[in-house]
Amino acid sequence: MSEKLRDQLVGAWKLHSYVEIPVDGSEPFYPMGEKPMGIIMYTPDGYMSAQLMKPGRAPFAVNDFYEGTLEEYKAAGSTYIAYTGPFKVNEQNRTLTHSMFISLFPNWMGQTQPRVVSIEGDVLTLGTASPISSKGKTVNSKLVWHRAQPE
């Protein structure tokens, strides 16, 4: 019998790629650039946390998080994704859901989102289970993560 999906997920994963694939057949795009940065973690007690960002983000002019300009907040917020909450696995169907207890994007608060999931060795691939809106297009997201190794 193969290892349980839940057990395979537990740990930290570094983002390798993140692409949005439009359902209309137009060109895929990379909302966080072609070399995005990110970590997703799954804990043994059933919580997950995801943080993704575009590299090369500009620092605020003032070294105070609460004193940024509207332009600085817009640039920072539009190049970062963060959410955390419980996750659930259906072992029989090998499906995964993320529930958003906290989210940078307020519209996701309280949502439970299904993910298409596959794990091959130390590579985790996650995708949206149904199309979403991104940059004005209807897309399917595909994120590839590699198991994080201690440094």
Protein backbone atom coordinates (compact mmCIF):
# COMPACT_ATOMS: atom_id res chain seq x y z
CA MET A 1 0.00 0.00 0.00
CA SER A 2 1.32 3.46 -0.88
CA GLU A 3 2.07 6.10 1.73
CA LYS A 4 -0.87 8.27 2.78
CA LEU A 5 -1.17 11.57 0.92
CA ARG A 6 -1.42 13.44 4.23
CA ASP A 7 1.89 11.97 5.43
CA GLN A 8 3.54 12.82 2.11
CA LEU A 9 2.40 16.46 2.37
CA VAL A 10 3.66 17.16 5.89
CA GLY A 11 6.71 19.41 5.90
CA ALA A 12 7.98 22.47 4.06
CA TRP A 13 8.11 22.94 0.29
CA LYS A 14 9.89 25.67 -1.73
CA LEU A 15 8.19 27.16 -4.76
CA HIS A 16 9.79 26.20 -8.06
CA SER A 17 7.25 27.59 -10.54
CA TYR A 18 3.84 29.25 -10.66
CA VAL A 19 2.00 29.62 -13.96
CA GLU A 20 -1.53 30.72 -14.85
CA ILE A 21 -2.99 28.92 -17.88
CA PRO A 22 -5.90 30.81 -19.50
CA VAL A 23 -8.87 28.61 -20.42
CA ASP A 24 -9.31 30.59 -23.67
CA GLY A 25 -6.06 29.12 -25.04
CA SER A 26 -4.11 32.38 -24.85
CA GLU A 27 -0.51 32.45 -23.65
CA PRO A 28 0.21 31.28 -20.09
CA PHE A 29 1.61 33.94 -17.77
CA TYR A 30 3.67 34.11 -14.58
CA PRO A 31 2.02 36.43 -12.03
CA MET A 32 5.01 36.27 -9.67
CA GLY A 33 7.64 36.25 -12.41
CA GLU A 34 9.41 33.28 -13.96
CA LYS A 35 11.45 32.62 -10.80
CA PRO A 36 8.95 33.14 -7.97
CA MET A 37 9.82 32.69 -4.31
CA GLY A 38 7.63 30.87 -1.84
CA ILE A 39 7.16 28.36 0.93
CA ILE A 40 4.16 26.17 1.68
CA MET A 41 4.07 24.18 4.91
CA TYR A 42 1.79 21.42 6.11
CA THR A 43 1.82 20.52 9.82
CA PRO A 44 1.06 17.10 11.31
CA ASP A 45 -1.92 18.56 13.21
CA GLY A 46 -3.70 19.69 10.04
CA TYR A 47 -2.69 23.29 9.34
CA MET A 48 -1.06 24.80 6.29
CA SER A 49 0.52 28.13 5.42
CA ALA A 50 1.46 29.47 1.99
CA GLN A 51 3.58 32.54 1.23
CA LEU A 52 4.51 33.46 -2.36
CA MET A 53 6.19 36.54 -3.77
CA LYS A 54 7.70 38.04 -6.84
CA PRO A 55 11.46 38.51 -6.39
CA GLY A 56 13.01 41.97 -6.51
CA ARG A 57 10.25 43.80 -4.66
CA ALA A 58 11.13 47.42 -3.86
CA PRO A 59 11.52 48.34 -0.18
CA PHE A 60 9.39 51.08 1.37
CA ALA A 61 11.10 54.49 1.58
CA VAL A 62 10.58 54.52 5.37
CA ASN A 63 11.56 51.52 7.49
CA ASP A 64 8.12 51.35 9.16
CA PHE A 65 5.47 48.90 7.91
CA TYR A 66 2.63 51.21 8.99
CA GLU A 67 4.05 54.31 7.27
CA GLY A 68 4.13 53.16 3.65
CA THR A 69 2.56 55.18 0.86
CA LEU A 70 -0.50 53.93 -1.01
CA GLU A 71 1.73 53.19 -4.01
CA GLU A 72 4.12 51.16 -1.82
CA TYR A 73 1.25 49.15 -0.32
CA LYS A 74 -0.21 48.53 -3.78
CA ALA A 75 3.13 47.34 -5.16
CA ALA A 76 3.77 45.12 -2.12
CA GLY A 77 0.27 43.65 -2.03
CA SER A 78 0.09 42.92 -5.75
CA THR A 79 3.35 40.93 -5.66
CA TYR A 80 2.57 38.76 -2.64
CA ILE A 81 0.13 35.97 -1.79
CA ALA A 82 -0.31 34.72 1.76
CA TYR A 83 -2.89 32.55 3.46
CA THR A 84 -3.12 29.98 6.23
CA GLY A 85 -5.61 27.68 7.88
CA PRO A 86 -6.63 24.04 8.15
CA PHE A 87 -6.13 21.56 5.35
CA LYS A 88 -7.99 18.32 4.73
CA VAL A 89 -7.09 15.28 2.69
CA ASN A 90 -9.45 12.67 1.27
CA GLU A 91 -7.19 9.63 1.12
CA GLN A 92 -9.58 7.56 -0.98
CA ASN A 93 -9.88 10.19 -3.72
CA ARG A 94 -6.38 11.65 -3.07
CA THR A 95 -7.81 15.16 -2.95
CA LEU A 96 -6.79 18.17 -0.88
CA THR A 97 -8.56 21.31 0.37
CA HIS A 98 -7.14 24.48 1.90
CA SER A 99 -9.36 26.52 4.25
CA MET A 100 -8.46 30.18 4.53
CA PHE A 101 -8.53 31.23 8.19
CA ILE A 102 -6.19 34.18 7.46
CA SER A 103 -5.51 35.67 4.02
CA LEU A 104 -3.82 38.73 2.56
CA PHE A 105 -6.63 38.73 -0.04
CA PRO A 106 -9.75 39.40 2.07
CA ASN A 107 -12.08 37.75 -0.48
CA TRP A 108 -10.59 34.36 0.39
CA MET A 109 -11.34 34.65 4.12
CA GLY A 110 -13.52 31.75 5.23
CA GLN A 111 -13.29 29.95 1.87
CA THR A 112 -12.35 26.31 1.46
CA GLN A 113 -10.65 25.75 -1.88
CA PRO A 114 -10.08 22.35 -3.48
CA ARG A 115 -6.68 21.64 -5.00
CA VAL A 116 -5.55 19.20 -7.65
CA VAL A 117 -2.55 17.52 -6.03
CA SER A 118 0.19 15.12 -7.07
CA ILE A 119 3.43 14.14 -5.38
CA GLU A 120 6.27 12.41 -7.17
CA GLY A 121 9.29 11.95 -4.94
CA ASP A 122 10.25 15.39 -3.63
CA VAL A 123 8.08 17.31 -6.14
CA LEU A 124 4.61 18.53 -5.16
CA THR A 125 2.31 19.88 -7.88
CA LEU A 126 -0.76 21.86 -6.83
CA GLY A 127 -3.41 23.32 -9.07
CA THR A 128 -6.82 24.88 -8.90
CA ALA A 129 -9.62 22.31 -9.16
CA SER A 130 -11.71 24.70 -11.25
CA PRO A 131 -10.87 27.93 -13.11
CA ILE A 132 -10.34 31.18 -11.19
CA SER A 133 -9.95 34.86 -12.15
CA SER A 134 -6.40 36.20 -12.39
CA LYS A 135 -5.30 39.47 -14.00
CA GLY A 136 -8.66 39.74 -15.76
CA LYS A 137 -8.53 36.24 -17.29
CA THR A 138 -10.17 32.93 -16.40
CA VAL A 139 -7.30 30.56 -15.66
CA ASN A 140 -6.15 27.34 -14.10
CA SER A 141 -3.19 27.76 -11.75
CA LYS A 142 -0.30 25.30 -11.59
CA LEU A 143 2.32 25.53 -8.86
CA VAL A 144 5.32 23.22 -8.58
CA TRP A 145 7.06 22.91 -5.22
CA HIS A 146 10.22 21.01 -4.22
CA ARG A 147 10.60 19.59 -0.72
CA ALA A 148 12.64 22.07 1.33
CA GLN A 149 15.97 20.75 2.55
CA PRO A 150 17.62 21.97 5.76
CA GLU A 151 20.32 24.51 5.05
